Amino acid sequence: MVKAVPAGAALMLAGCAPAANTGGGRADAPAHAAAPGLRPGVHEVQINGVRLWYRVAGRAPAGVAPVVFLHGGPGQGSTHFDELAGDPMERSLAMVYLDQRGSGRSERPPSGEYSIALLVEDLEELRQHLGVPRIGLIGHSFGALLALEYAKKYPANVSGIVFTSGLWDTPYQCRLRLQRVAELRPEAYARVAADTLARDGTRRNDCELEFQAFRTREEKAAYDTEIMYPDPAIEVRMDSVNAAHGIRNTGELGRAIFQGGLLQYRFTAFDRITMPVLVIAGWHDGAARPAGLRELASRLPNARFVEYERSGHFPYLDEPERFARETAAFFSATVAKR
């Protein structure tokens, strides 16, 4: 059930700044439709018992569905994308910047209920609230997984997917990640290379081995910066934007998703993803390595793979103009192909 929430209710959200334009002061361009849920600006709506926050901005050509950005983390929030990448996106698309439950300015559910299935239903309820038959999806990292899961259940409701630096087969992609550890930190890899079996004799997950290869959190954090940010200043900018708006990842959503089996997750319903998909990888990305994303594109019936040579895990920040240009062209072409 969807229930609109008065704008002033933003102040009721725990740990949330007052509802405001999160686009760094830029004006909201008219949205492509006059439906109340798609009016430009900040919205809050109660969906499945949780107050969700989203912002609408930009204008799309006639027939191009509004595009919902699904952030990663899990729990990262959409503010950094909105503020640092939003301007070029909004020139050609009607953008919906959504904070998933427990993320950004959206409410942390009092019940503590989180799951991939529930996040998918939140998105479907949002689509209905927007008042449109279809939405486009830009999924980043964990958000790309959500895009696939939503499209699997509601294929008729999706115009197209931009799958960016995303997760789709955790065991396989973790194996690629661990190979990167071996390349960049051979001394760290050597600590776990001979310890691949769990007590019950099964093979341990490669992401667990990656975590355990590093002796301290600081050592792991430095490595993560190296494999995700070819330009470390991008991470500093993201952190500064989130701090300025009082946004932080509480870890609540992430813990629940990992406890729900994320390390064993595999997407296999490739035949359900019949809509166009643009798979984008960053050449420098050691978190979602290009080889793994190329493999996904080869398994989808209507996908194209693109590699950004100057990008890491955040192509929309490393190469924002190219990302916006190619994304706009992709979603415009979904109209012509209908």
Protein backbone atom coordinates (compact mmCIF):
# COMPACT_ATOMS: atom_id res chain seq x y z
CA MET A 1 0.00 0.00 0.00
CA VAL A 2 1.24 3.48 -0.90
CA LYS A 3 0.45 6.54 1.15
CA ALA A 4 1.75 10.03 0.40
CA VAL A 5 3.53 11.75 3.29
CA PRO A 6 3.44 15.50 3.95
CA ALA A 7 6.72 17.23 3.08
CA GLY A 8 7.19 18.38 6.67
CA ALA A 9 7.37 14.78 7.79
CA ALA A 10 10.99 14.69 6.64
CA LEU A 11 11.95 16.12 10.02
CA MET A 12 10.43 13.05 11.68
CA LEU A 13 12.98 10.70 10.12
CA ALA A 14 15.64 9.53 12.53
CA GLY A 15 19.03 11.06 11.75
CA CYS A 16 17.68 12.88 8.71
CA ALA A 17 18.32 16.44 7.58
CA PRO A 18 15.28 18.59 6.61
CA ALA A 19 13.81 17.80 3.19
CA ALA A 20 15.58 19.95 0.63
CA ASN A 21 16.95 20.02 -2.87
CA THR A 22 19.94 17.70 -2.69
CA GLY A 23 21.25 18.75 -6.04
CA GLY A 24 23.77 21.28 -4.73
CA GLY A 25 21.40 24.20 -5.26
CA ARG A 26 20.56 23.58 -8.89
CA ALA A 27 16.97 24.15 -9.95
CA ASP A 28 14.65 21.28 -10.72
CA ALA A 29 13.78 21.05 -14.39
CA PRO A 30 10.21 20.07 -15.31
CA ALA A 31 9.58 16.34 -15.23
CA HIS A 32 8.22 14.69 -18.35
CA ALA A 33 4.81 14.00 -16.84
CA ALA A 34 2.32 15.86 -14.67
CA ALA A 35 1.43 12.91 -12.45
CA PRO A 36 1.68 14.01 -8.79
CA GLY A 37 4.33 11.41 -8.01
CA LEU A 38 6.52 12.74 -10.84
CA ARG A 39 6.35 16.44 -10.08
CA PRO A 40 9.81 18.01 -9.81
CA GLY A 41 11.28 18.19 -6.34
CA VAL A 42 11.43 16.18 -3.14
CA HIS A 43 8.82 13.56 -2.34
CA GLU A 44 8.16 11.29 0.57
CA VAL A 45 5.79 8.37 0.38
CA GLN A 46 4.90 5.56 2.73
CA ILE A 47 5.49 2.24 0.99
CA ASN A 48 5.15 -1.16 2.62
CA GLY A 49 5.15 0.45 6.05
CA VAL A 50 8.31 2.53 5.49
CA ARG A 51 8.67 6.21 4.63
CA LEU A 52 10.75 6.44 1.45
CA TRP A 53 12.44 9.58 0.14
CA TYR A 54 13.02 10.39 -3.52
CA ARG A 55 13.65 13.43 -5.72
CA VAL A 56 12.50 14.05 -9.28
CA ALA A 57 14.35 16.29 -11.74
CA GLY A 58 14.97 16.59 -15.46
CA ARG A 59 13.02 16.29 -18.69
CA ALA A 60 12.89 13.35 -21.11
CA PRO A 61 11.78 13.21 -24.76
CA ALA A 62 8.24 12.06 -25.36
CA GLY A 63 7.82 8.35 -24.78
CA VAL A 64 10.98 7.88 -22.72
CA ALA A 65 10.13 6.41 -19.32
CA PRO A 66 11.39 8.08 -16.15
CA VAL A 67 14.63 6.56 -14.91
CA VAL A 68 15.06 5.41 -11.31
CA PHE A 69 18.58 5.34 -9.89
CA LEU A 70 19.19 2.33 -7.62
CA HIS A 71 22.22 2.99 -5.43
CA GLY A 72 24.66 0.44 -4.10
CA GLY A 73 26.24 -0.03 -0.72
CA PRO A 74 24.01 -1.68 0.30
CA GLY A 75 22.74 1.40 2.12
CA GLN A 76 24.77 4.10 0.37
CA GLY A 77 21.91 6.41 -0.61
CA SER A 78 21.40 8.40 -3.82
CA THR A 79 22.68 11.82 -2.73
CA HIS A 80 26.17 11.48 -4.18
CA PHE A 81 24.81 10.47 -7.61
CA ASP A 82 22.22 13.25 -7.54
CA GLU A 83 24.69 15.98 -6.66
CA LEU A 84 27.81 14.87 -8.53
CA ALA A 85 26.33 13.22 -11.63
CA GLY A 86 22.78 14.56 -11.82
CA ASP A 87 23.24 17.68 -13.96
CA PRO A 88 24.25 15.93 -17.20
CA MET A 89 21.68 13.18 -16.63
CA GLU A 90 18.81 15.62 -16.27
CA ARG A 91 19.48 17.30 -19.60
CA SER A 92 17.95 14.32 -21.43
CA LEU A 93 16.18 12.17 -18.83
CA ALA A 94 13.51 12.48 -16.16
CA MET A 95 15.49 11.21 -13.16
CA VAL A 96 14.14 9.72 -9.94
CA TYR A 97 16.76 9.62 -7.20
CA LEU A 98 15.53 7.03 -4.70
CA ASP A 99 16.88 6.27 -1.25
CA GLN A 100 16.11 2.61 -0.51
CA ARG A 101 14.65 1.68 2.87
CA GLY A 102 17.18 2.23 5.63
CA SER A 103 19.34 4.38 3.34
CA GLY A 104 19.97 8.10 2.95
CA ARG A 105 16.91 10.11 3.95
CA SER A 106 14.53 7.15 3.88
CA GLU A 107 13.26 5.59 7.06
CA ARG A 108 14.89 2.67 8.81
CA PRO A 109 11.97 0.22 9.22
CA PRO A 110 10.99 -0.15 12.89
CA SER A 111 10.44 -3.85 12.22
CA GLY A 112 13.99 -4.23 10.91
CA GLU A 113 12.59 -5.90 7.77
CA TYR A 114 15.04 -6.00 4.87
CA SER A 115 15.41 -8.41 1.98
CA ILE A 116 16.03 -8.32 -1.73
CA ALA A 117 12.43 -9.41 -2.33
CA LEU A 118 11.10 -6.58 -0.16
CA LEU A 119 13.29 -3.99 -1.89
CA VAL A 120 11.88 -5.22 -5.21
CA GLU A 121 8.34 -4.74 -3.92
CA ASP A 122 9.23 -1.26 -2.65
CA LEU A 123 10.30 -0.39 -6.19
CA GLU A 124 7.11 -1.75 -7.72
CA GLU A 125 5.01 0.24 -5.26
CA LEU A 126 7.05 3.32 -6.15
CA ARG A 127 6.39 2.77 -9.87
CA GLN A 128 2.68 2.65 -9.16
CA HIS A 129 2.95 5.82 -7.09
CA LEU A 130 4.77 7.55 -9.95
CA GLY A 131 1.78 6.73 -12.14
CA VAL A 132 3.71 5.33 -15.09
CA PRO A 133 3.43 1.95 -16.85
CA ARG A 134 7.20 1.52 -17.16
CA ILE A 135 10.41 2.79 -15.64
CA GLY A 136 14.01 2.71 -16.75
CA LEU A 137 16.57 1.54 -14.22
CA ILE A 138 20.14 2.58 -13.56
CA GLY A 139 21.51 0.10 -11.05
CA HIS A 140 24.94 0.56 -9.51
CA SER A 141 26.79 -2.20 -7.62
CA PHE A 142 24.20 -3.80 -5.28
CA GLY A 143 21.54 -1.63 -6.95
CA ALA A 144 22.30 -3.39 -10.25
CA LEU A 145 21.37 -6.68 -8.60
CA LEU A 146 18.06 -5.09 -7.55
CA ALA A 147 17.47 -3.96 -11.12
CA LEU A 148 17.85 -7.54 -12.38
CA GLU A 149 15.60 -8.92 -9.66
CA TYR A 150 12.92 -6.31 -10.32
CA ALA A 151 13.07 -6.93 -14.08
CA LYS A 152 12.85 -10.68 -13.51
CA LYS A 153 9.60 -10.30 -11.58
CA TYR A 154 8.11 -7.36 -13.50
CA PRO A 155 9.63 -7.48 -17.03
CA ALA A 156 6.75 -5.63 -18.64
CA ASN A 157 7.33 -2.68 -16.31
CA VAL A 158 10.95 -2.03 -17.34
CA SER A 159 11.95 -0.07 -20.44
CA GLY A 160 15.63 -0.85 -20.09
CA ILE A 161 18.47 -1.35 -17.59
CA VAL A 162 21.84 0.33 -17.30
CA PHE A 163 23.76 -2.23 -15.26
CA THR A 164 26.75 -0.39 -13.83
CA SER A 165 29.64 -2.07 -11.95
CA GLY A 166 27.06 -4.51 -10.67
CA LEU A 167 26.70 -7.73 -8.73
CA TRP A 168 25.04 -10.74 -10.36
CA ASP A 169 27.02 -13.85 -9.37
CA THR A 170 28.75 -13.37 -6.01
CA PRO A 171 30.85 -16.58 -5.94
CA TYR A 172 32.15 -16.01 -9.46
CA GLN A 173 32.75 -12.30 -9.00
CA CYS A 174 34.41 -12.89 -5.63
CA ARG A 175 36.78 -15.32 -7.33
CA LEU A 176 37.75 -12.54 -9.73
CA ARG A 177 38.17 -10.15 -6.80
CA LEU A 178 40.48 -12.55 -5.00
CA GLN A 179 42.56 -12.88 -8.16
CA ARG A 180 42.99 -9.11 -8.04
CA VAL A 181 44.23 -9.35 -4.46
CA ALA A 182 46.81 -11.87 -5.66
CA GLU A 183 47.94 -9.42 -8.35
CA LEU A 184 48.09 -6.27 -6.24
CA ARG A 185 48.81 -7.61 -2.73
CA PRO A 186 50.62 -10.95 -3.13
CA GLU A 187 51.73 -10.88 0.49
CA ALA A 188 48.12 -10.52 1.66
CA TYR A 189 46.93 -13.23 -0.70
CA ALA A 190 49.60 -15.59 0.61
CA ARG A 191 48.00 -15.40 4.07
CA VAL A 192 44.82 -17.12 2.83
CA ALA A 193 45.93 -18.97 -0.31
CA ALA A 194 46.38 -22.25 1.55
CA ASP A 195 43.34 -21.82 3.78
CA THR A 196 40.49 -22.24 1.32
CA LEU A 197 38.50 -24.98 3.08
CA ALA A 198 35.96 -24.45 5.84
CA ARG A 199 35.79 -26.76 8.86
CA ASP A 200 33.13 -28.90 7.19
CA GLY A 201 35.37 -29.46 4.16
CA THR A 202 33.49 -27.14 1.81
CA ARG A 203 35.30 -24.41 -0.07
CA ARG A 204 35.21 -21.05 1.69
CA ASN A 205 33.72 -18.10 -0.15
CA ASP A 206 36.39 -16.09 -1.95
CA CYS A 207 35.02 -12.80 -0.62
CA GLU A 208 35.47 -14.09 2.92
CA LEU A 209 39.05 -14.97 2.02
CA GLU A 210 39.56 -11.49 0.62
CA PHE A 211 38.32 -9.87 3.82
CA GLN A 212 40.57 -12.08 5.92
CA ALA A 213 43.65 -11.45 3.80
CA PHE A 214 44.11 -8.03 5.36
CA ARG A 215 45.37 -7.64 8.91
CA THR A 216 43.53 -4.43 9.82
CA ARG A 217 40.47 -2.49 8.71
CA GLU A 218 42.74 0.37 7.69
CA GLU A 219 44.75 -1.92 5.44
CA LYS A 220 41.56 -3.22 3.80
CA ALA A 221 40.16 0.31 3.42
CA ALA A 222 43.33 1.47 1.66
CA TYR A 223 43.10 -1.50 -0.69
CA ASP A 224 39.42 -0.83 -1.42
CA THR A 225 40.23 2.77 -2.34
CA GLU A 226 42.91 1.55 -4.74
CA ILE A 227 40.67 -0.98 -6.55
CA MET A 228 37.60 1.28 -6.80
CA TYR A 229 38.94 4.80 -7.30
CA PRO A 230 41.59 5.42 -9.99
CA ASP A 231 41.32 9.01 -8.79
CA PRO A 232 41.17 8.98 -4.94
CA ALA A 233 39.75 12.52 -5.03
CA ILE A 234 36.44 11.00 -6.19
CA GLU A 235 36.07 9.16 -2.89
CA VAL A 236 36.83 12.37 -1.00
CA ARG A 237 34.18 14.25 -3.00
CA MET A 238 31.58 11.56 -2.33
CA ASP A 239 32.30 11.56 1.38
CA SER A 240 32.18 15.36 1.48
CA VAL A 241 28.80 15.48 -0.27
CA ASN A 242 27.29 12.91 2.07
CA ALA A 243 28.74 14.62 5.14
CA ALA A 244 27.39 18.00 4.02
CA HIS A 245 23.88 16.54 3.87
CA GLY A 246 24.17 14.46 7.02
CA ILE A 247 24.02 11.21 5.03
CA ARG A 248 25.79 8.10 6.26
CA ASN A 249 25.52 4.40 5.65
CA THR A 250 24.34 2.92 8.96
CA GLY A 251 25.20 -0.61 7.79
CA GLU A 252 21.76 -1.89 8.84
CA LEU A 253 20.60 -2.72 5.32
CA GLY A 254 23.94 -4.23 4.39
CA ARG A 255 24.08 -6.50 7.45
CA ALA A 256 20.58 -7.80 6.76
CA ILE A 257 21.31 -8.47 3.08
CA PHE A 258 24.57 -10.28 3.85
CA GLN A 259 22.86 -12.33 6.56
CA GLY A 260 20.20 -13.17 3.98
CA GLY A 261 22.77 -14.97 1.83
CA LEU A 262 24.34 -12.33 -0.42
CA LEU A 263 27.66 -14.18 -0.54
CA GLN A 264 25.88 -17.15 -2.14
CA TYR A 265 23.75 -15.07 -4.53
CA ARG A 266 23.60 -16.07 -8.19
CA PHE A 267 21.30 -14.63 -10.83
CA THR A 268 20.27 -17.30 -13.34
CA ALA A 269 16.96 -16.14 -14.85
CA PHE A 270 18.63 -14.65 -17.92
CA ASP A 271 15.71 -15.47 -20.23
CA ARG A 272 13.43 -13.20 -18.16
CA ILE A 273 15.56 -10.12 -18.94
CA THR A 274 14.27 -9.52 -22.45
CA MET A 275 14.42 -5.70 -22.33
CA PRO A 276 17.54 -3.88 -23.56
CA VAL A 277 20.45 -3.87 -21.09
CA LEU A 278 23.57 -1.72 -21.23
CA VAL A 279 26.30 -3.30 -19.10
CA ILE A 280 28.96 -0.77 -18.08
CA ALA A 281 32.28 -1.72 -16.48
CA GLY A 282 35.20 0.40 -15.33
CA TRP A 283 38.56 -0.84 -16.63
CA HIS A 284 40.22 -0.09 -13.27
CA ASP A 285 37.43 -1.62 -11.16
CA GLY A 286 38.70 -4.38 -8.89
CA ALA A 287 35.38 -4.73 -7.06
CA ALA A 288 33.17 -5.64 -10.05
CA ARG A 289 35.81 -6.66 -12.54
CA PRO A 290 35.10 -6.18 -16.25
CA ALA A 291 35.52 -9.88 -17.07
CA GLY A 292 32.58 -10.71 -14.81
CA LEU A 293 30.36 -8.05 -16.36
CA ARG A 294 31.30 -9.11 -19.87
CA GLU A 295 30.20 -12.61 -18.93
CA LEU A 296 26.82 -11.31 -17.76
CA ALA A 297 26.29 -9.41 -20.99
CA SER A 298 27.01 -12.57 -22.98
CA ARG A 299 24.27 -14.43 -21.10
CA LEU A 300 21.51 -11.85 -21.47
CA PRO A 301 19.43 -12.01 -24.67
CA ASN A 302 19.49 -8.27 -25.43
CA ALA A 303 22.59 -6.79 -23.79
CA ARG A 304 25.56 -4.70 -24.87
CA PHE A 305 28.82 -4.46 -22.94
CA VAL A 306 30.82 -1.23 -22.67
CA GLU A 307 34.10 -0.72 -20.85
CA TYR A 308 35.10 2.73 -19.58
CA GLU A 309 38.88 2.99 -19.87
CA ARG A 310 39.34 5.76 -17.27
CA SER A 311 36.84 4.49 -14.70
CA GLY A 312 36.87 2.42 -11.55
CA HIS A 313 33.81 1.29 -9.59
CA PHE A 314 31.95 4.57 -10.20
CA PRO A 315 31.93 5.25 -13.97
CA TYR A 316 29.24 7.91 -13.56
CA LEU A 317 31.69 9.93 -11.42
CA ASP A 318 34.92 9.09 -13.25
CA GLU A 319 33.45 9.87 -16.70
CA PRO A 320 30.14 11.67 -15.99
CA GLU A 321 29.60 13.31 -19.38
CA ARG A 322 30.19 10.06 -21.27
CA PHE A 323 27.99 8.14 -18.85
CA ALA A 324 25.14 10.64 -19.21
CA ARG A 325 25.45 10.81 -22.99
CA GLU A 326 25.46 7.05 -23.52
CA THR A 327 22.76 6.42 -20.93
CA ALA A 328 20.46 9.01 -22.52
CA ALA A 329 21.02 7.50 -25.97
CA PHE A 330 20.33 4.04 -24.59
CA PHE A 331 16.99 4.96 -23.00
CA SER A 332 15.92 7.01 -26.04
CA ALA A 333 16.53 3.95 -28.21
CA THR A 334 14.22 1.86 -26.03
CA VAL A 335 11.33 3.90 -27.40
CA ALA A 336 12.28 3.20 -31.00
CA LYS A 337 12.58 -0.53 -30.32
CA ARG A 338 9.14 -0.97 -28.80
